[in-house]
Amino acid sequence: MTTTTTTQKTQKLTVADYLALDDAFEGRREFVDGAILEMPPESNLNAQISVFLLVTLSRFVPLNWLRHKDVELVVAGRVRMPDLLILGEELAAVLLATERSTITEEMPAPLLVVEVVSPGKANEDRDYRFKRAEYAVRGIPEYWIVDPARKAVAVLSLVDGLYESVDYTGDQRLVSGLLPELDLTVEQILQAGSPA
C-alpha cells in the first residue's frame, strides 16, 4: 500500500499581489521577500525627529513635494515606507494623479529619502545595509540616515550608481547637494526642536 502525502507550500506574494490587496489594515507595513512585515509604532523621539525635518525642509521645497510616513516606495521588488521623502516636481504631479500613495518603479525616483533609525540590530541592518542598496538601485540621488543612538546623521549621495557617505555628528552642519542652502546641524535634528 502506498500513501501519498501532499504538502501545500505557502506561496509568496509578488509586489503586484501586495499592491492589489484591498484590506483595511491599520498601521504601517512593508513588503519584503514575498512577506508583509508589520512595522511597530515609532518611538516618540523618532516621530518628533521626522516631524521636525518635515517642517524644516518645507522652508526649502514646495509643500506638495514632501511626504511624511504612509507613502509606499517600490524598490528592488520590495515595498518600503520611508520616514520622509522629497518627491520633486514630476513625481509630485504623477503621484497626485493616482488613487494610492504608492511610488511604483515606473514613476520617477524621489529626490531624497530620510530614514530615522529605530533601536535594534534588525533596524540598523535594514536602514544602513538593505535600504542603502535598494535606494541606490532605484536611483534616489540622496539618502539620509538619522541615527539617534549613534548621535549621527549620514548623508549619502548617489555617484555612478553607488552611495558615497559622509557622516556628521554634534554641531556639524549637514551638507546636501540637493539643498545647498540648508543650515542644519546634527544636534538640532536630534533635539528635534525641543527647547534648549
N, C-alpha and C. Protein backbone atom coordinates (compact mmCIF):
# COMPACT_ATOMS: atom_id res chain seq x y z
N MET A 1 0.85 -1.17 0.00
CA MET A 1 0.00 0.00 0.00
C MET A 1 0.89 1.23 0.00
N THR A 2 0.61 2.15 -0.88
CA THR A 2 1.40 3.37 -1.00
C THR A 2 0.55 4.54 -0.53
N THR A 3 1.16 5.33 0.34
CA THR A 3 0.46 6.53 0.83
C THR A 3 1.12 7.75 0.20
N THR A 4 0.32 8.60 -0.34
CA THR A 4 0.84 9.83 -0.93
C THR A 4 0.49 10.99 -0.02
N THR A 5 1.52 11.72 0.36
CA THR A 5 1.30 12.90 1.20
C THR A 5 1.46 14.14 0.34
N THR A 6 0.49 14.98 0.39
CA THR A 6 0.55 16.23 -0.35
C THR A 6 0.89 17.35 0.61
N THR A 7 1.97 18.03 0.31
CA THR A 7 2.36 19.17 1.14
C THR A 7 2.04 20.44 0.38
N GLN A 8 1.23 21.25 0.99
CA GLN A 8 0.91 22.53 0.36
C GLN A 8 1.95 23.55 0.81
N LYS A 9 2.53 24.19 -0.16
CA LYS A 9 3.51 25.23 0.15
C LYS A 9 2.79 26.57 0.18
N THR A 10 3.19 27.39 1.12
CA THR A 10 2.64 28.72 1.17
C THR A 10 3.30 29.52 0.06
N GLN A 11 2.49 30.03 -0.82
CA GLN A 11 3.01 30.76 -1.95
C GLN A 11 3.30 32.19 -1.55
N LYS A 12 4.48 32.66 -1.92
CA LYS A 12 4.86 34.03 -1.61
C LYS A 12 4.12 34.98 -2.54
N LEU A 13 3.82 36.14 -2.00
CA LEU A 13 3.18 37.17 -2.79
C LEU A 13 4.21 37.86 -3.68
N THR A 14 3.76 38.40 -4.78
CA THR A 14 4.59 39.27 -5.60
C THR A 14 4.26 40.71 -5.22
N VAL A 15 5.05 41.64 -5.70
CA VAL A 15 4.75 43.05 -5.44
C VAL A 15 3.37 43.39 -6.00
N ALA A 16 3.06 42.89 -7.19
CA ALA A 16 1.74 43.15 -7.79
C ALA A 16 0.62 42.60 -6.90
N ASP A 17 0.82 41.38 -6.34
CA ASP A 17 -0.18 40.81 -5.43
C ASP A 17 -0.36 41.72 -4.22
N TYR A 18 0.75 42.16 -3.65
CA TYR A 18 0.70 43.02 -2.46
C TYR A 18 -0.04 44.32 -2.77
N LEU A 19 0.30 44.95 -3.90
CA LEU A 19 -0.33 46.21 -4.24
C LEU A 19 -1.81 46.05 -4.58
N ALA A 20 -2.22 44.84 -4.96
CA ALA A 20 -3.63 44.58 -5.29
C ALA A 20 -4.48 44.32 -4.04
N LEU A 21 -3.83 44.10 -2.90
CA LEU A 21 -4.58 43.85 -1.67
C LEU A 21 -5.45 45.06 -1.35
N ASP A 22 -6.65 44.81 -0.97
CA ASP A 22 -7.58 45.89 -0.62
C ASP A 22 -8.16 45.58 0.75
N ASP A 23 -7.27 45.58 1.73
CA ASP A 23 -7.74 45.26 3.07
C ASP A 23 -7.76 46.53 3.92
N ALA A 24 -8.29 46.41 5.08
CA ALA A 24 -8.42 47.55 5.99
C ALA A 24 -7.33 47.51 7.05
N PHE A 25 -6.11 47.24 6.63
CA PHE A 25 -5.00 47.16 7.58
C PHE A 25 -4.75 48.52 8.21
N GLU A 26 -4.65 48.54 9.52
CA GLU A 26 -4.34 49.77 10.24
C GLU A 26 -2.87 49.71 10.65
N GLY A 27 -2.16 50.78 10.41
CA GLY A 27 -0.76 50.82 10.81
C GLY A 27 0.17 50.77 9.62
N ARG A 28 1.45 50.78 9.91
CA ARG A 28 2.47 50.79 8.87
C ARG A 28 2.95 49.37 8.60
N ARG A 29 3.28 49.13 7.34
CA ARG A 29 3.81 47.83 6.98
C ARG A 29 4.72 47.99 5.76
N GLU A 30 5.62 47.03 5.61
CA GLU A 30 6.47 46.95 4.44
C GLU A 30 6.31 45.57 3.84
N PHE A 31 6.71 45.45 2.59
CA PHE A 31 6.62 44.18 1.88
C PHE A 31 8.03 43.79 1.46
N VAL A 32 8.52 42.65 2.01
CA VAL A 32 9.90 42.23 1.77
C VAL A 32 9.94 40.73 1.51
N ASP A 33 10.58 40.34 0.42
CA ASP A 33 10.78 38.92 0.09
C ASP A 33 9.49 38.11 0.15
N GLY A 34 8.43 38.66 -0.42
CA GLY A 34 7.17 37.94 -0.52
C GLY A 34 6.31 37.95 0.73
N ALA A 35 6.75 38.66 1.77
CA ALA A 35 6.01 38.66 3.03
C ALA A 35 5.68 40.09 3.47
N ILE A 36 4.55 40.22 4.14
CA ILE A 36 4.14 41.51 4.69
C ILE A 36 4.69 41.61 6.10
N LEU A 37 5.43 42.68 6.35
CA LEU A 37 6.02 42.92 7.67
C LEU A 37 5.32 44.08 8.34
N GLU A 38 4.67 43.81 9.46
CA GLU A 38 4.05 44.89 10.22
C GLU A 38 5.16 45.66 10.93
N MET A 39 5.09 46.97 10.82
CA MET A 39 6.10 47.82 11.44
C MET A 39 5.59 48.29 12.80
N PRO A 40 6.42 48.17 13.83
CA PRO A 40 5.97 48.64 15.14
C PRO A 40 5.85 50.17 15.15
N PRO A 41 5.09 50.71 16.08
CA PRO A 41 5.00 52.17 16.17
C PRO A 41 6.38 52.78 16.41
N GLU A 42 6.56 53.98 15.90
CA GLU A 42 7.82 54.69 16.09
C GLU A 42 7.95 55.13 17.54
N SER A 43 9.19 55.31 17.99
CA SER A 43 9.40 55.89 19.31
C SER A 43 9.00 57.37 19.24
N ASN A 44 8.74 57.95 20.38
CA ASN A 44 8.38 59.37 20.41
C ASN A 44 9.48 60.23 19.82
N LEU A 45 10.75 59.92 20.14
CA LEU A 45 11.87 60.70 19.61
C LEU A 45 11.94 60.59 18.09
N ASN A 46 11.81 59.38 17.55
CA ASN A 46 11.87 59.21 16.10
C ASN A 46 10.74 59.97 15.41
N ALA A 47 9.55 59.91 15.98
CA ALA A 47 8.42 60.63 15.40
C ALA A 47 8.66 62.13 15.44
N GLN A 48 9.20 62.61 16.55
CA GLN A 48 9.48 64.04 16.70
C GLN A 48 10.56 64.48 15.71
N ILE A 49 11.58 63.67 15.51
CA ILE A 49 12.65 64.00 14.55
C ILE A 49 12.09 64.09 13.14
N SER A 50 11.26 63.13 12.75
CA SER A 50 10.75 63.15 11.37
C SER A 50 9.82 64.34 11.14
N VAL A 51 9.02 64.71 12.14
CA VAL A 51 8.16 65.89 12.00
C VAL A 51 9.01 67.16 11.95
N PHE A 52 10.03 67.24 12.79
CA PHE A 52 10.94 68.40 12.77
C PHE A 52 11.57 68.56 11.39
N LEU A 53 12.03 67.45 10.81
CA LEU A 53 12.65 67.53 9.48
C LEU A 53 11.62 67.93 8.42
N LEU A 54 10.40 67.43 8.53
CA LEU A 54 9.34 67.80 7.60
C LEU A 54 9.12 69.32 7.62
N VAL A 55 8.99 69.87 8.81
CA VAL A 55 8.77 71.31 8.96
C VAL A 55 9.98 72.08 8.45
N THR A 56 11.17 71.64 8.79
CA THR A 56 12.40 72.32 8.37
C THR A 56 12.54 72.30 6.86
N LEU A 57 12.36 71.13 6.24
CA LEU A 57 12.54 71.01 4.80
C LEU A 57 11.46 71.75 4.02
N SER A 58 10.31 71.99 4.65
CA SER A 58 9.23 72.71 3.97
C SER A 58 9.61 74.16 3.69
N ARG A 59 10.68 74.64 4.31
CA ARG A 59 11.16 76.01 4.02
C ARG A 59 11.97 76.05 2.73
N PHE A 60 12.36 74.88 2.21
CA PHE A 60 13.27 74.84 1.06
C PHE A 60 12.64 74.25 -0.20
N VAL A 61 11.58 73.51 -0.05
CA VAL A 61 10.92 72.90 -1.21
C VAL A 61 9.41 73.12 -1.08
N PRO A 62 8.70 73.09 -2.19
CA PRO A 62 7.24 73.24 -2.12
C PRO A 62 6.62 72.13 -1.25
N LEU A 63 5.61 72.49 -0.51
CA LEU A 63 4.97 71.54 0.40
C LEU A 63 4.46 70.29 -0.31
N ASN A 64 3.98 70.43 -1.55
CA ASN A 64 3.45 69.26 -2.26
C ASN A 64 4.55 68.30 -2.70
N TRP A 65 5.81 68.67 -2.53
CA TRP A 65 6.93 67.75 -2.81
C TRP A 65 7.24 66.86 -1.61
N LEU A 66 6.72 67.18 -0.45
CA LEU A 66 7.06 66.45 0.78
C LEU A 66 6.02 65.39 1.10
N ARG A 67 6.51 64.23 1.55
CA ARG A 67 5.64 63.17 2.05
C ARG A 67 6.24 62.66 3.36
N HIS A 68 5.38 62.46 4.33
CA HIS A 68 5.80 62.04 5.66
C HIS A 68 5.07 60.75 6.01
N LYS A 69 5.83 59.68 6.17
CA LYS A 69 5.26 58.37 6.52
C LYS A 69 4.20 57.93 5.51
N ASP A 70 3.65 56.80 5.68
CA ASP A 70 2.49 56.31 4.93
C ASP A 70 2.53 56.46 3.41
N VAL A 71 3.71 56.58 2.82
CA VAL A 71 3.85 56.54 1.37
C VAL A 71 4.67 55.30 1.06
N GLU A 72 4.13 54.46 0.19
CA GLU A 72 4.84 53.25 -0.18
C GLU A 72 5.80 53.55 -1.33
N LEU A 73 7.00 52.99 -1.23
CA LEU A 73 8.02 53.17 -2.25
C LEU A 73 8.45 51.79 -2.73
N VAL A 74 8.16 51.47 -3.98
CA VAL A 74 8.53 50.17 -4.55
C VAL A 74 9.99 50.26 -5.00
N VAL A 75 10.81 49.39 -4.42
CA VAL A 75 12.25 49.35 -4.75
C VAL A 75 12.72 47.91 -4.77
N ALA A 76 13.37 47.52 -5.85
CA ALA A 76 14.01 46.20 -5.93
C ALA A 76 13.09 45.06 -5.49
N GLY A 77 11.83 45.07 -5.94
CA GLY A 77 10.90 44.00 -5.60
C GLY A 77 10.40 44.03 -4.18
N ARG A 78 10.58 45.16 -3.52
CA ARG A 78 10.11 45.33 -2.15
C ARG A 78 9.28 46.61 -2.08
N VAL A 79 8.53 46.74 -0.99
CA VAL A 79 7.77 47.97 -0.77
C VAL A 79 8.18 48.51 0.59
N ARG A 80 8.78 49.68 0.57
CA ARG A 80 9.26 50.33 1.79
C ARG A 80 8.37 51.52 2.13
N MET A 81 8.41 51.93 3.41
CA MET A 81 7.67 53.10 3.87
C MET A 81 8.65 54.04 4.57
N PRO A 82 9.31 54.90 3.79
CA PRO A 82 10.30 55.81 4.39
C PRO A 82 9.66 56.78 5.37
N ASP A 83 10.50 57.31 6.26
CA ASP A 83 10.01 58.27 7.24
C ASP A 83 9.67 59.61 6.59
N LEU A 84 10.44 59.99 5.56
CA LEU A 84 10.24 61.28 4.92
C LEU A 84 10.79 61.22 3.50
N LEU A 85 10.11 61.89 2.57
CA LEU A 85 10.58 61.94 1.18
C LEU A 85 10.44 63.35 0.64
N ILE A 86 11.36 63.72 -0.25
CA ILE A 86 11.18 64.87 -1.13
C ILE A 86 10.98 64.28 -2.51
N LEU A 87 9.82 64.56 -3.10
CA LEU A 87 9.43 63.93 -4.35
C LEU A 87 10.06 64.58 -5.58
N GLY A 88 10.03 65.89 -5.64
CA GLY A 88 10.39 66.60 -6.87
C GLY A 88 9.12 66.91 -7.64
N GLU A 89 9.22 67.85 -8.57
CA GLU A 89 8.04 68.35 -9.29
C GLU A 89 7.34 67.26 -10.11
N GLU A 90 8.10 66.50 -10.88
CA GLU A 90 7.50 65.50 -11.77
C GLU A 90 6.82 64.38 -10.98
N LEU A 91 7.50 63.84 -9.97
CA LEU A 91 6.91 62.77 -9.17
C LEU A 91 5.71 63.26 -8.38
N ALA A 92 5.75 64.48 -7.86
CA ALA A 92 4.60 65.03 -7.12
C ALA A 92 3.38 65.08 -8.02
N ALA A 93 3.56 65.49 -9.28
CA ALA A 93 2.43 65.56 -10.21
C ALA A 93 1.90 64.18 -10.55
N VAL A 94 2.80 63.22 -10.77
CA VAL A 94 2.39 61.85 -11.10
C VAL A 94 1.65 61.22 -9.92
N LEU A 95 2.18 61.40 -8.72
CA LEU A 95 1.57 60.79 -7.53
C LEU A 95 0.20 61.40 -7.23
N LEU A 96 0.05 62.69 -7.49
CA LEU A 96 -1.22 63.36 -7.25
C LEU A 96 -2.33 62.77 -8.13
N ALA A 97 -1.96 62.28 -9.30
CA ALA A 97 -2.94 61.72 -10.24
C ALA A 97 -3.30 60.27 -9.93
N THR A 98 -2.72 59.68 -8.89
CA THR A 98 -3.02 58.30 -8.55
C THR A 98 -3.98 58.24 -7.36
N GLU A 99 -4.59 57.08 -7.17
CA GLU A 99 -5.51 56.92 -6.04
C GLU A 99 -4.79 56.46 -4.78
N ARG A 100 -3.65 55.81 -4.93
CA ARG A 100 -2.94 55.24 -3.80
C ARG A 100 -1.58 55.92 -3.68
N SER A 101 -1.16 56.19 -2.45
CA SER A 101 0.14 56.82 -2.21
C SER A 101 1.26 55.78 -2.32
N THR A 102 1.45 55.32 -3.54
CA THR A 102 2.48 54.32 -3.82
C THR A 102 3.33 54.81 -4.98
N ILE A 103 4.63 54.89 -4.76
CA ILE A 103 5.56 55.27 -5.81
C ILE A 103 6.05 53.97 -6.44
N THR A 104 5.56 53.69 -7.64
CA THR A 104 5.92 52.46 -8.32
C THR A 104 7.23 52.64 -9.09
N GLU A 105 7.77 51.53 -9.58
CA GLU A 105 9.04 51.57 -10.29
C GLU A 105 8.94 52.29 -11.63
N GLU A 106 7.73 52.43 -12.17
CA GLU A 106 7.55 53.15 -13.43
C GLU A 106 7.59 54.66 -13.24
N MET A 107 7.42 55.11 -12.01
CA MET A 107 7.41 56.54 -11.70
C MET A 107 8.83 57.05 -11.50
N PRO A 108 9.01 58.37 -11.62
CA PRO A 108 10.34 58.92 -11.32
C PRO A 108 10.74 58.62 -9.87
N ALA A 109 12.03 58.58 -9.62
CA ALA A 109 12.53 58.35 -8.27
C ALA A 109 12.37 59.62 -7.43
N PRO A 110 12.14 59.49 -6.13
CA PRO A 110 12.16 60.66 -5.25
C PRO A 110 13.57 61.28 -5.29
N LEU A 111 13.65 62.55 -4.92
CA LEU A 111 14.95 63.23 -4.87
C LEU A 111 15.71 62.91 -3.59
N LEU A 112 14.98 62.70 -2.50
CA LEU A 112 15.59 62.44 -1.19
C LEU A 112 14.70 61.52 -0.39
N VAL A 113 15.33 60.57 0.30
CA VAL A 113 14.63 59.73 1.27
C VAL A 113 15.36 59.87 2.60
N VAL A 114 14.59 60.02 3.68
CA VAL A 114 15.15 60.11 5.03
C VAL A 114 14.60 58.94 5.84
N GLU A 115 15.50 58.22 6.50
CA GLU A 115 15.11 57.18 7.45
C GLU A 115 15.66 57.55 8.82
N VAL A 116 14.81 57.45 9.84
CA VAL A 116 15.24 57.65 11.23
C VAL A 116 15.34 56.25 11.82
N VAL A 117 16.55 55.87 12.23
CA VAL A 117 16.83 54.51 12.68
C VAL A 117 16.19 54.24 14.04
N SER A 118 15.41 53.18 14.11
CA SER A 118 14.85 52.73 15.38
C SER A 118 15.87 51.84 16.07
N PRO A 119 15.78 51.73 17.40
CA PRO A 119 16.75 50.90 18.13
C PRO A 119 16.67 49.43 17.69
N GLY A 120 17.81 48.75 17.73
CA GLY A 120 17.85 47.33 17.43
C GLY A 120 18.66 47.00 16.20
N LYS A 121 19.33 45.86 16.24
CA LYS A 121 20.21 45.42 15.15
C LYS A 121 19.45 45.25 13.84
N ALA A 122 18.26 44.66 13.89
CA ALA A 122 17.48 44.45 12.67
C ALA A 122 17.15 45.78 12.00
N ASN A 123 16.81 46.79 12.80
CA ASN A 123 16.50 48.12 12.25
C ASN A 123 17.74 48.76 11.65
N GLU A 124 18.87 48.63 12.33
CA GLU A 124 20.13 49.18 11.81
C GLU A 124 20.48 48.51 10.48
N ASP A 125 20.39 47.19 10.43
CA ASP A 125 20.69 46.47 9.19
C ASP A 125 19.77 46.94 8.06
N ARG A 126 18.50 47.09 8.36
CA ARG A 126 17.53 47.49 7.34
C ARG A 126 17.88 48.87 6.77
N ASP A 127 18.17 49.84 7.65
CA ASP A 127 18.42 51.20 7.18
C ASP A 127 19.82 51.41 6.61
N TYR A 128 20.83 50.80 7.24
CA TYR A 128 22.21 51.01 6.79
C TYR A 128 22.61 50.10 5.63
N ARG A 129 22.08 48.90 5.58
CA ARG A 129 22.53 47.94 4.55
C ARG A 129 21.50 47.75 3.44
N PHE A 130 20.34 47.25 3.81
CA PHE A 130 19.37 46.84 2.80
C PHE A 130 18.79 48.05 2.05
N LYS A 131 18.29 49.02 2.79
CA LYS A 131 17.69 50.18 2.13
C LYS A 131 18.75 50.97 1.36
N ARG A 132 19.95 51.01 1.87
CA ARG A 132 21.03 51.70 1.14
C ARG A 132 21.18 51.11 -0.26
N ALA A 133 21.23 49.79 -0.35
CA ALA A 133 21.37 49.13 -1.65
C ALA A 133 20.12 49.32 -2.49
N GLU A 134 18.94 49.17 -1.88
CA GLU A 134 17.69 49.30 -2.62
C GLU A 134 17.50 50.72 -3.17
N TYR A 135 17.77 51.72 -2.37
CA TYR A 135 17.59 53.10 -2.80
C TYR A 135 18.60 53.48 -3.88
N ALA A 136 19.79 52.92 -3.81
CA ALA A 136 20.79 53.17 -4.85
C ALA A 136 20.32 52.58 -6.18
N VAL A 137 19.84 51.34 -6.14
CA VAL A 137 19.34 50.69 -7.35
C VAL A 137 18.17 51.49 -7.93
N ARG A 138 17.35 52.06 -7.08
CA ARG A 138 16.18 52.84 -7.51
C ARG A 138 16.59 54.20 -8.10
N GLY A 139 17.85 54.60 -7.85
CA GLY A 139 18.34 55.86 -8.42
C GLY A 139 17.97 57.09 -7.62
N ILE A 140 17.77 56.94 -6.32
CA ILE A 140 17.42 58.08 -5.46
C ILE A 140 18.70 58.87 -5.20
N PRO A 141 18.75 60.14 -5.64
CA PRO A 141 20.00 60.89 -5.58
C PRO A 141 20.58 61.11 -4.18
N GLU A 142 19.71 61.22 -3.17
CA GLU A 142 20.22 61.49 -1.82
C GLU A 142 19.41 60.70 -0.80
N TYR A 143 20.14 60.15 0.19
CA TYR A 143 19.53 59.33 1.24
C TYR A 143 20.17 59.74 2.56
N TRP A 144 19.34 60.14 3.52
CA TRP A 144 19.84 60.49 4.85
C TRP A 144 19.46 59.40 5.83
N ILE A 145 20.41 59.03 6.67
CA ILE A 145 20.16 58.09 7.76
C ILE A 145 20.38 58.85 9.06
N VAL A 146 19.29 59.12 9.77
CA VAL A 146 19.36 59.82 11.04
C VAL A 146 19.37 58.75 12.13
N ASP A 147 20.43 58.74 12.93
CA ASP A 147 20.60 57.67 13.92
C ASP A 147 20.73 58.26 15.32
N PRO A 148 19.61 58.33 16.07
CA PRO A 148 19.65 58.89 17.41
C PRO A 148 20.58 58.12 18.36
N ALA A 149 20.67 56.80 18.24
CA ALA A 149 21.52 56.01 19.13
C ALA A 149 22.99 56.35 18.93
N ARG A 150 23.41 56.53 17.70
CA ARG A 150 24.80 56.87 17.39
C ARG A 150 25.05 58.37 17.44
N LYS A 151 23.97 59.12 17.60
CA LYS A 151 24.04 60.59 17.60
C LYS A 151 24.73 61.10 16.34
N ALA A 152 24.27 60.58 15.19
CA ALA A 152 24.90 60.91 13.92
C ALA A 152 23.86 60.94 12.81
N VAL A 153 24.23 61.63 11.74
CA VAL A 153 23.44 61.64 10.51
C VAL A 153 24.39 61.34 9.37
N ALA A 154 24.04 60.35 8.57
CA ALA A 154 24.81 60.03 7.36
C ALA A 154 24.06 60.62 6.17
N VAL A 155 24.78 61.38 5.36
CA VAL A 155 24.22 61.92 4.12
C VAL A 155 24.87 61.15 2.99
N LEU A 156 24.07 60.39 2.26
CA LEU A 156 24.57 59.55 1.18
C LEU A 156 24.18 60.18 -0.15
N SER A 157 25.16 60.36 -1.02
CA SER A 157 24.93 60.94 -2.34
C SER A 157 25.22 59.88 -3.39
N LEU A 158 24.33 59.75 -4.35
CA LEU A 158 24.47 58.74 -5.40
C LEU A 158 25.50 59.21 -6.43
N VAL A 159 26.55 58.42 -6.59
CA VAL A 159 27.61 58.71 -7.56
C VAL A 159 27.86 57.44 -8.36
N ASP A 160 27.61 57.49 -9.66
CA ASP A 160 27.81 56.34 -10.54
C ASP A 160 27.14 55.08 -10.03
N GLY A 161 25.90 55.23 -9.53
CA GLY A 161 25.11 54.08 -9.11
C GLY A 161 25.36 53.57 -7.70
N LEU A 162 26.31 54.17 -6.98
CA LEU A 162 26.59 53.77 -5.60
C LEU A 162 26.57 54.99 -4.70
N TYR A 163 26.24 54.77 -3.42
CA TYR A 163 26.21 55.89 -2.49
C TYR A 163 27.59 56.14 -1.89
N GLU A 164 27.95 57.42 -1.87
CA GLU A 164 29.11 57.87 -1.11
C GLU A 164 28.55 58.54 0.13
N SER A 165 29.07 58.17 1.29
CA SER A 165 28.50 58.60 2.56
C SER A 165 29.43 59.54 3.30
N VAL A 166 28.85 60.59 3.88
CA VAL A 166 29.57 61.48 4.78
C VAL A 166 28.79 61.47 6.08
N ASP A 167 29.49 61.18 7.18
CA ASP A 167 28.85 61.13 8.49
C ASP A 167 29.06 62.45 9.23
N TYR A 168 28.00 62.92 9.88
CA TYR A 168 28.04 64.17 10.63
C TYR A 168 27.62 63.89 12.07
N THR A 169 28.22 64.62 13.01
CA THR A 169 27.88 64.50 14.43
C THR A 169 27.89 65.88 15.07
N GLY A 170 27.33 65.96 16.28
CA GLY A 170 27.40 67.17 17.09
C GLY A 170 26.90 68.42 16.39
N ASP A 171 27.75 69.45 16.41
CA ASP A 171 27.36 70.73 15.82
C ASP A 171 27.80 70.87 14.37
N GLN A 172 28.13 69.76 13.73
CA GLN A 172 28.49 69.81 12.31
C GLN A 172 27.25 70.10 11.47
N ARG A 173 27.41 70.97 10.50
CA ARG A 173 26.34 71.35 9.59
C ARG A 173 26.27 70.31 8.46
N LEU A 174 25.06 69.81 8.20
CA LEU A 174 24.88 68.85 7.11
C LEU A 174 25.15 69.55 5.77
N VAL A 175 25.78 68.83 4.87
CA VAL A 175 25.98 69.32 3.52
C VAL A 175 25.17 68.44 2.59
N SER A 176 24.23 69.09 1.89
CA SER A 176 23.33 68.37 1.00
C SER A 176 23.47 68.94 -0.41
N GLY A 177 23.74 68.07 -1.37
CA GLY A 177 23.79 68.51 -2.76
C GLY A 177 22.43 68.96 -3.25
N LEU A 178 21.37 68.38 -2.70
CA LEU A 178 20.01 68.73 -3.09
C LEU A 178 19.57 70.06 -2.48
N LEU A 179 20.03 70.32 -1.25
CA LEU A 179 19.60 71.53 -0.51
C LEU A 179 20.83 72.31 -0.05
N PRO A 180 21.55 72.95 -0.97
CA PRO A 180 22.80 73.62 -0.60
C PRO A 180 22.61 74.76 0.40
N GLU A 181 21.42 75.35 0.46
CA GLU A 181 21.18 76.46 1.38
C GLU A 181 20.78 75.99 2.79
N LEU A 182 20.66 74.70 2.99
CA LEU A 182 20.27 74.14 4.28
C LEU A 182 21.30 74.48 5.35
N ASP A 183 20.83 75.00 6.47
CA ASP A 183 21.71 75.32 7.60
C ASP A 183 21.18 74.57 8.81
N LEU A 184 21.62 73.34 8.96
CA LEU A 184 21.07 72.44 9.97
C LEU A 184 22.17 71.55 10.51
N THR A 185 22.25 71.45 11.82
CA THR A 185 23.26 70.60 12.45
C THR A 185 22.63 69.30 12.96
N VAL A 186 23.48 68.33 13.22
CA VAL A 186 23.02 67.06 13.78
C VAL A 186 22.36 67.30 15.13
N GLU A 187 22.98 68.15 15.93
CA GLU A 187 22.44 68.46 17.25
C GLU A 187 21.02 69.01 17.16
N GLN A 188 20.78 69.90 16.21
CA GLN A 188 19.43 70.45 16.02
C GLN A 188 18.44 69.35 15.64
N ILE A 189 18.86 68.45 14.78
CA ILE A 189 17.98 67.35 14.36
C ILE A 189 17.65 66.45 15.54
N LEU A 190 18.67 66.07 16.30
CA LEU A 190 18.46 65.13 17.40
C LEU A 190 17.68 65.76 18.55
N GLN A 191 17.77 67.07 18.70
CA GLN A 191 16.95 67.75 19.69
C GLN A 191 15.53 67.95 19.17
N ALA A 192 15.39 67.87 17.85
CA ALA A 192 14.09 67.92 17.17
C ALA A 192 13.22 69.08 17.63
N GLY A 193 13.82 70.23 17.72
CA GLY A 193 13.04 71.41 18.07
C GLY A 193 12.70 71.53 19.54
N SER A 194 13.26 70.64 20.37
CA SER A 194 12.99 70.74 21.82
C SER A 194 13.60 72.03 22.35
N PRO A 195 12.97 72.65 23.33
CA PRO A 195 13.55 73.87 23.91
C PRO A 195 14.91 73.55 24.52
N ALA A 196 15.83 74.44 24.35
CA ALA A 196 17.21 74.22 24.85
C ALA A 196 17.26 74.23 26.35
